[in-house]
PDB file of N, CA and C in Angstrom:
ATOM      1  N   MET A   1     -49.498  27.648-147.306  1.00  0.00           N
ATOM      2  CA  MET A   1     -49.002  28.812-148.364  1.00  0.00           C
ATOM      3  C   MET A   1     -50.211  29.885-148.278  1.00  0.00           C
ATOM      4  N   ASP A   2     -51.486  29.355-148.153  1.00  0.00           N
ATOM      5  CA  ASP A   2     -52.014  30.681-148.183  1.00  0.00           C
ATOM      6  C   ASP A   2     -52.592  31.238-146.695  1.00  0.00           C
ATOM      7  N   ALA A   3     -51.808  30.510-145.497  1.00  0.00           N
ATOM      8  CA  ALA A   3     -52.062  31.134-144.085  1.00  0.00           C
ATOM      9  C   ALA A   3     -50.860  32.086-144.148  1.00  0.00           C
ATOM     10  N   LEU A   4     -49.686  31.816-145.074  1.00  0.00           N
ATOM     11  CA  LEU A   4     -48.957  32.704-145.128  1.00  0.00           C
ATOM     12  C   LEU A   4     -48.886  33.829-145.740  1.00  0.00           C
ATOM     13  N   LEU A   5     -49.449  33.733-146.599  1.00  0.00           N
ATOM     14  CA  LEU A   5     -50.027  34.994-147.568  1.00  0.00           C
ATOM     15  C   LEU A   5     -51.052  35.966-146.307  1.00  0.00           C
ATOM     16  N   GLU A   6     -51.493  35.639-146.301  1.00  0.00           N
ATOM     17  CA  GLU A   6     -52.499  36.111-145.298  1.00  0.00           C
ATOM     18  C   GLU A   6     -51.743  36.488-143.938  1.00  0.00           C
ATOM     19  N   ILE A   7     -50.845  36.146-143.490  1.00  0.00           N
ATOM     20  CA  ILE A   7     -49.488  37.015-142.677  1.00  0.00           C
ATOM     21  C   ILE A   7     -49.464  38.186-143.136  1.00  0.00           C
ATOM     22  N   LEU A   8     -48.889  37.913-143.942  1.00  0.00           N
ATOM     23  CA  LEU A   8     -47.904  38.807-144.424  1.00  0.00           C
ATOM     24  C   LEU A   8     -48.888  40.031-145.532  1.00  0.00           C
ATOM     25  N   THR A   9     -50.474  39.482-146.163  1.00  0.00           N
ATOM     26  CA  THR A   9     -51.160  40.931-146.508  1.00  0.00           C
ATOM     27  C   THR A   9     -51.459  41.558-145.444  1.00  0.00           C
ATOM     28  N   ASN A  10     -51.795  40.890-144.147  1.00  0.00           N
ATOM     29  CA  ASN A  10     -52.021  41.591-143.034  1.00  0.00           C
ATOM     30  C   ASN A  10     -51.837  42.455-142.921  1.00  0.00           C
ATOM     31  N   LEU A  11     -50.151  42.206-143.263  1.00  0.00           N
ATOM     32  CA  LEU A  11     -49.165  43.518-142.443  1.00  0.00           C
ATOM     33  C   LEU A  11     -48.718  44.817-143.688  1.00  0.00           C
ATOM     34  N   HIS A  12     -48.993  44.225-144.945  1.00  0.00           N
ATOM     35  CA  HIS A  12     -49.133  44.948-146.249  1.00  0.00           C
ATOM     36  C   HIS A  12     -49.908  44.771-147.271  1.00  0.00           C
ATOM     37  N   PRO A  13     -50.834  45.368-146.869  1.00  0.00           N
ATOM     38  CA  PRO A  13     -52.188  44.699-147.688  1.00  0.00           C
ATOM     39  C   PRO A  13     -52.073  45.301-149.182  1.00  0.00           C
ATOM     40  N   GLU A  14     -50.519  46.526-149.571  1.00  0.00           N
ATOM     41  CA  GLU A  14     -50.349  46.898-150.705  1.00  0.00           C
ATOM     42  C   GLU A  14     -49.254  46.056-151.417  1.00  0.00           C
ATOM     43  N   VAL A  15     -49.013  45.197-151.073  1.00  0.00           N
ATOM     44  CA  VAL A  15     -47.799  44.288-151.916  1.00  0.00           C
ATOM     45  C   VAL A  15     -48.539  42.962-152.329  1.00  0.00           C
ATOM     46  N   ASP A  16     -47.894  42.549-153.685  1.00  0.00           N
ATOM     47  CA  ASP A  16     -48.273  41.450-154.257  1.00  0.00           C
ATOM     48  C   ASP A  16     -47.327  40.454-153.735  1.00  0.00           C
ATOM     49  N   PHE A  17     -47.279  39.919-152.866  1.00  0.00           N
ATOM     50  CA  PHE A  17     -46.511  38.854-152.062  1.00  0.00           C
ATOM     51  C   PHE A  17     -46.392  37.705-153.141  1.00  0.00           C
ATOM     52  N   GLU A  18     -47.411  37.263-153.580  1.00  0.00           N
ATOM     53  CA  GLU A  18     -47.054  36.338-154.576  1.00  0.00           C
ATOM     54  C   GLU A  18     -46.297  36.608-155.739  1.00  0.00           C
ATOM     55  N   THR A  19     -45.472  37.788-155.955  1.00  0.00           N
ATOM     56  CA  THR A  19     -44.616  37.692-157.089  1.00  0.00           C
ATOM     57  C   THR A  19     -43.455  38.324-156.466  1.00  0.00           C
ATOM     58  N   CYS A  20     -43.664  39.768-155.575  1.00  0.00           N
ATOM     59  CA  CYS A  20     -42.496  39.841-154.965  1.00  0.00           C
ATOM     60  C   CYS A  20     -41.497  39.213-154.718  1.00  0.00           C
ATOM     61  N   SER A  21     -40.053  39.397-155.149  1.00  0.00           N
ATOM     62  CA  SER A  21     -39.039  38.513-154.499  1.00  0.00           C
ATOM     63  C   SER A  21     -37.902  39.270-154.028  1.00  0.00           C
ATOM     64  N   THR A  22     -38.332  40.904-153.428  1.00  0.00           N
ATOM     65  CA  THR A  22     -37.243  42.105-153.236  1.00  0.00           C
ATOM     66  C   THR A  22     -37.776  42.344-151.589  1.00  0.00           C
ATOM     67  N   LEU A  23     -38.638  41.438-151.112  1.00  0.00           N
ATOM     68  CA  LEU A  23     -39.191  42.423-149.698  1.00  0.00           C
ATOM     69  C   LEU A  23     -37.886  43.029-148.677  1.00  0.00           C
ATOM     70  N   VAL A  24     -36.735  42.619-148.903  1.00  0.00           N
ATOM     71  CA  VAL A  24     -36.079  42.955-147.353  1.00  0.00           C
ATOM     72  C   VAL A  24     -35.346  43.850-148.912  1.00  0.00           C
ATOM     73  N   ASP A  25     -34.934  43.898-149.466  1.00  0.00           N
ATOM     74  CA  ASP A  25     -33.940  44.235-150.286  1.00  0.00           C
ATOM     75  C   ASP A  25     -34.660  45.968-150.789  1.00  0.00           C
ATOM     76  N   ASP A  26     -36.185  45.649-150.970  1.00  0.00           N
ATOM     77  CA  ASP A  26     -36.288  46.654-151.136  1.00  0.00           C
ATOM     78  C   ASP A  26     -37.212  47.769-150.236  1.00  0.00           C
ATOM     79  N   LYS A  27     -36.577  46.973-148.851  1.00  0.00           N
ATOM     80  CA  LYS A  27     -37.243  47.741-147.591  1.00  0.00           C
ATOM     81  C   LYS A  27     -38.777  47.549-147.711  1.00  0.00           C
ATOM     82  N   ILE A  28     -39.130  46.850-147.854  1.00  0.00           N
ATOM     83  CA  ILE A  28     -40.878  46.656-148.134  1.00  0.00           C
ATOM     84  C   ILE A  28     -41.064  46.088-146.678  1.00  0.00           C
ATOM     85  N   ILE A  29     -40.394  45.414-146.069  1.00  0.00           N
ATOM     86  CA  ILE A  29     -40.800  44.785-144.906  1.00  0.00           C
ATOM     87  C   ILE A  29     -39.277  45.219-143.901  1.00  0.00           C
ATOM     88  N   ASP A  30     -39.433  45.541-142.677  1.00  0.00           N
ATOM     89  CA  ASP A  30     -38.249  46.166-141.879  1.00  0.00           C
ATOM     90  C   ASP A  30     -38.504  44.954-140.612  1.00  0.00           C
ATOM     91  N   SER A  31     -37.620  45.444-139.805  1.00  0.00           N
ATOM     92  CA  SER A  31     -37.336  44.753-138.642  1.00  0.00           C
ATOM     93  C   SER A  31     -38.553  44.031-138.059  1.00  0.00           C
ATOM     94  N   PHE A  32     -39.165  45.292-137.976  1.00  0.00           N
ATOM     95  CA  PHE A  32     -40.382  44.736-136.609  1.00  0.00           C
ATOM     96  C   PHE A  32     -41.323  44.107-137.861  1.00  0.00           C
ATOM     97  N   ASP A  33     -41.274  44.250-139.416  1.00  0.00           N
ATOM     98  CA  ASP A  33     -41.911  43.264-139.438  1.00  0.00           C
ATOM     99  C   ASP A  33     -41.894  41.927-139.570  1.00  0.00           C
ATOM    100  N   ILE A  34     -40.605  41.570-139.616  1.00  0.00           N
ATOM    101  CA  ILE A  34     -39.870  40.250-139.289  1.00  0.00           C
ATOM    102  C   ILE A  34     -40.457  39.438-137.928  1.00  0.00           C
ATOM    103  N   VAL A  35     -39.961  40.801-137.142  1.00  0.00           N
ATOM    104  CA  VAL A  35     -40.363  39.711-135.636  1.00  0.00           C
ATOM    105  C   VAL A  35     -42.091  39.464-135.790  1.00  0.00           C
ATOM    106  N   THR A  36     -42.556  40.256-136.231  1.00  0.00           N
ATOM    107  CA  THR A  36     -44.224  40.295-136.242  1.00  0.00           C
ATOM    108  C   THR A  36     -44.677  38.617-137.197  1.00  0.00           C
ATOM    109  N   ILE A  37     -44.086  38.755-137.989  1.00  0.00           N
ATOM    110  CA  ILE A  37     -44.179  37.393-139.269  1.00  0.00           C
ATOM    111  C   ILE A  37     -43.394  36.379-138.399  1.00  0.00           C
ATOM    112  N   ILE A  38     -42.105  36.351-137.957  1.00  0.00           N
ATOM    113  CA  ILE A  38     -41.912  34.995-137.440  1.00  0.00           C
ATOM    114  C   ILE A  38     -43.133  34.931-136.099  1.00  0.00           C
ATOM    115  N   SER A  39     -43.311  35.696-135.247  1.00  0.00           N
ATOM    116  CA  SER A  39     -44.257  35.479-134.543  1.00  0.00           C
ATOM    117  C   SER A  39     -45.428  34.405-134.960  1.00  0.00           C
ATOM    118  N   GLU A  40     -46.190  35.051-135.806  1.00  0.00           N
ATOM    119  CA  GLU A  40     -47.094  34.832-136.801  1.00  0.00           C
ATOM    120  C   GLU A  40     -47.057  33.142-137.037  1.00  0.00           C
ATOM    121  N   ILE A  41     -45.654  33.326-137.705  1.00  0.00           N
ATOM    122  CA  ILE A  41     -45.896  31.333-138.134  1.00  0.00           C
ATOM    123  C   ILE A  41     -45.626  30.738-137.114  1.00  0.00           C
ATOM    124  N   ASN A  42     -44.347  31.190-136.127  1.00  0.00           N
ATOM    125  CA  ASN A  42     -45.013  30.321-134.831  1.00  0.00           C
ATOM    126  C   ASN A  42     -46.111  29.604-134.408  1.00  0.00           C
ATOM    127  N   GLU A  43     -47.098  30.726-134.152  1.00  0.00           N
ATOM    128  CA  GLU A  43     -48.413  30.375-134.011  1.00  0.00           C
ATOM    129  C   GLU A  43     -49.235  29.773-135.254  1.00  0.00           C
ATOM    130  N   GLU A  44     -49.139  29.712-136.336  1.00  0.00           N
ATOM    131  CA  GLU A  44     -50.089  29.195-137.087  1.00  0.00           C
ATOM    132  C   GLU A  44     -49.087  27.888-137.601  1.00  0.00           C
ATOM    133  N   TYR A  45     -47.867  27.569-137.614  1.00  0.00           N
ATOM    134  CA  TYR A  45     -47.027  26.495-138.269  1.00  0.00           C
ATOM    135  C   TYR A  45     -46.371  25.724-137.087  1.00  0.00           C
ATOM    136  N   ASP A  46     -46.901  26.082-135.800  1.00  0.00           N
ATOM    137  CA  ASP A  46     -45.733  25.990-134.827  1.00  0.00           C
ATOM    138  C   ASP A  46     -44.618  25.252-134.684  1.00  0.00           C
ATOM    139  N   VAL A  47     -43.482  26.105-135.567  1.00  0.00           N
ATOM    140  CA  VAL A  47     -42.330  25.870-136.033  1.00  0.00           C
ATOM    141  C   VAL A  47     -41.574  27.541-135.012  1.00  0.00           C
ATOM    142  N   VAL A  48     -40.652  27.170-135.017  1.00  0.00           N
ATOM    143  CA  VAL A  48     -39.738  28.188-134.344  1.00  0.00           C
ATOM    144  C   VAL A  48     -38.624  28.222-134.923  1.00  0.00           C
ATOM    145  N   ILE A  49     -38.101  29.554-135.596  1.00  0.00           N
ATOM    146  CA  ILE A  49     -37.053  30.066-136.486  1.00  0.00           C
ATOM    147  C   ILE A  49     -36.090  30.619-135.825  1.00  0.00           C
ATOM    148  N   PRO A  50     -35.166  29.746-136.044  1.00  0.00           N
ATOM    149  CA  PRO A  50     -33.799  30.317-134.999  1.00  0.00           C
ATOM    150  C   PRO A  50     -33.122  31.212-135.742  1.00  0.00           C
ATOM    151  N   ALA A  51     -32.247  32.311-135.007  1.00  0.00           N
ATOM    152  CA  ALA A  51     -31.632  33.139-135.280  1.00  0.00           C
ATOM    153  C   ALA A  51     -30.979  33.257-136.488  1.00  0.00           C
ATOM    154  N   GLU A  52     -30.313  31.898-136.625  1.00  0.00           N
ATOM    155  CA  GLU A  52     -29.268  32.190-137.756  1.00  0.00           C
ATOM    156  C   GLU A  52     -29.971  32.166-139.067  1.00  0.00           C
ATOM    157  N   GLU A  53     -31.323  31.482-139.055  1.00  0.00           N
ATOM    158  CA  GLU A  53     -32.220  32.036-140.241  1.00  0.00           C
ATOM    159  C   GLU A  53     -32.503  33.165-140.439  1.00  0.00           C
ATOM    160  N   ILE A  54     -32.644  33.775-139.777  1.00  0.00           N
ATOM    161  CA  ILE A  54     -33.365  34.990-140.101  1.00  0.00           C
ATOM    162  C   ILE A  54     -31.939  36.192-140.640  1.00  0.00           C
ATOM    163  N   VAL A  55     -32.481  36.043-142.101  1.00  0.00           N
ATOM    164  CA  VAL A  55     -31.114  36.220-143.031  1.00  0.00           C
ATOM    165  C   VAL A  55     -32.226  36.729-144.112  1.00  0.00           C
ATOM    166  N   PRO A  56     -31.272  37.981-144.738  1.00  0.00           N
ATOM    167  CA  PRO A  56     -32.413  38.644-146.166  1.00  0.00           C
ATOM    168  C   PRO A  56     -33.047  37.366-147.105  1.00  0.00           C
ATOM    169  N   ASP A  57     -32.241  36.662-147.362  1.00  0.00           N
ATOM    170  CA  ASP A  57     -32.640  35.545-148.326  1.00  0.00           C
ATOM    171  C   ASP A  57     -33.987  34.622-148.186  1.00  0.00           C
ATOM    172  N   ASN A  58     -33.906  34.503-146.720  1.00  0.00           N
ATOM    173  CA  ASN A  58     -35.203  34.026-146.333  1.00  0.00           C
ATOM    174  C   ASN A  58     -36.313  34.734-146.248  1.00  0.00           C
ATOM    175  N   PHE A  59     -36.307  35.970-146.688  1.00  0.00           N
ATOM    176  CA  PHE A  59     -37.390  36.884-145.927  1.00  0.00           C
ATOM    177  C   PHE A  59     -37.503  37.922-147.409  1.00  0.00           C
ATOM    178  N   ASN A  60     -36.712  37.452-148.323  1.00  0.00           N
ATOM    179  CA  ASN A  60     -37.123  38.372-149.402  1.00  0.00           C
ATOM    180  C   ASN A  60     -38.696  37.723-150.247  1.00  0.00           C
ATOM    181  N   SER A  61     -39.022  36.795-150.146  1.00  0.00           N
ATOM    182  CA  SER A  61     -40.046  36.848-150.893  1.00  0.00           C
ATOM    183  C   SER A  61     -40.603  35.219-150.174  1.00  0.00           C
ATOM    184  N   ALA A  62     -42.069  35.570-150.245  1.00  0.00           N
ATOM    185  CA  ALA A  62     -43.282  34.461-149.508  1.00  0.00           C
ATOM    186  C   ALA A  62     -42.820  33.206-149.912  1.00  0.00           C
ATOM    187  N   GLN A  63     -42.472  33.154-151.329  1.00  0.00           N
ATOM    188  CA  GLN A  63     -41.935  31.343-151.332  1.00  0.00           C
ATOM    189  C   GLN A  63     -40.825  30.938-150.957  1.00  0.00           C
ATOM    190  N   ALA A  64     -39.735  31.822-150.584  1.00  0.00           N
ATOM    191  CA  ALA A  64     -38.724  31.688-149.519  1.00  0.00           C
ATOM    192  C   ALA A  64     -38.922  31.366-148.407  1.00  0.00           C
ATOM    193  N   LEU A  65     -39.545  31.971-147.789  1.00  0.00           N
ATOM    194  CA  LEU A  65     -40.348  32.086-146.299  1.00  0.00           C
ATOM    195  C   LEU A  65     -41.151  30.873-146.097  1.00  0.00           C
ATOM    196  N   TYR A  66     -41.987  30.560-146.972  1.00  0.00           N
ATOM    197  CA  TYR A  66     -42.222  29.272-147.321  1.00  0.00           C
ATOM    198  C   TYR A  66     -41.374  28.258-147.397  1.00  0.00           C
ATOM    199  N   GLN A  67     -40.761  28.162-148.145  1.00  0.00           N
ATOM    200  CA  GLN A  67     -39.605  26.621-148.025  1.00  0.00           C
ATOM    201  C   GLN A  67     -39.168  26.907-146.563  1.00  0.00           C
ATOM    202  N   LEU A  68     -38.483  27.554-146.045  1.00  0.00           N
ATOM    203  CA  LEU A  68     -37.997  27.832-144.702  1.00  0.00           C
ATOM    204  C   LEU A  68     -39.089  27.053-144.167  1.00  0.00           C
ATOM    205  N   ILE A  69     -40.125  27.316-143.727  1.00  0.00           N
ATOM    206  CA  ILE A  69     -41.010  27.008-142.992  1.00  0.00           C
ATOM    207  C   ILE A  69     -41.362  25.322-143.487  1.00  0.00           C
ATOM    208  N   GLN A  70     -41.218  25.130-144.702  1.00  0.00           N
ATOM    209  CA  GLN A  70     -41.449  23.715-145.058  1.00  0.00           C
ATOM    210  C   GLN A  70     -40.042  22.735-144.019  1.00  0.00           C
ATOM    211  N   ARG A  71     -38.886  23.484-144.059  1.00  0.00           N
ATOM    212  CA  ARG A  71     -37.674  22.905-143.935  1.00  0.00           C
ATOM    213  C   ARG A  71     -37.765  22.785-142.874  1.00  0.00           C
ATOM    214  N   LEU A  72     -37.849  23.602-141.728  1.00  0.00           N
ATOM    215  CA  LEU A  72     -38.385  23.663-140.251  1.00  0.00           C
ATOM    216  C   LEU A  72     -39.326  22.681-139.501  1.00  0.00           C
ATOM    217  N   GLU A  73     -40.328  22.403-140.599  1.00  0.00           N
ATOM    218  CA  GLU A  73     -41.296  21.339-140.297  1.00  0.00           C
ATOM    219  C   GLU A  73     -40.667  19.810-140.130  1.00  0.00           C
ATOM    220  N   ASP A  74     -40.176  19.927-141.064  1.00  0.00           N
ATOM    221  CA  ASP A  74     -39.569  18.525-141.628  1.00  0.00           C
ATOM    222  C   ASP A  74     -38.512  17.754-140.679  1.00  0.00           C
ATOM    223  N   GLU A  75     -37.317  19.154-139.599  1.00  0.00           N
ATOM    224  CA  GLU A  75     -36.747  18.542-138.712  1.00  0.00           C
ATOM    225  C   GLU A  75     -36.971  18.233-137.832  1.00  0.00           C
TER     226      GLU A  75
END
């Protein structure tokens, strides 16, 4: 989780990613950020996020994103 928080904080240092749960809904992160996040996750965690998983629910919070990463690692 620490590596994910570092990825997110590098994009938007002004956001408290540990508590925010509306990253997409409140337009804190945009499509360009999501592409960057996906790329960084691929490098850091060696997982590929399939297109069908690129939905707001998976990107609205760091926790949701981390759960997605864990799910993909288990597959």
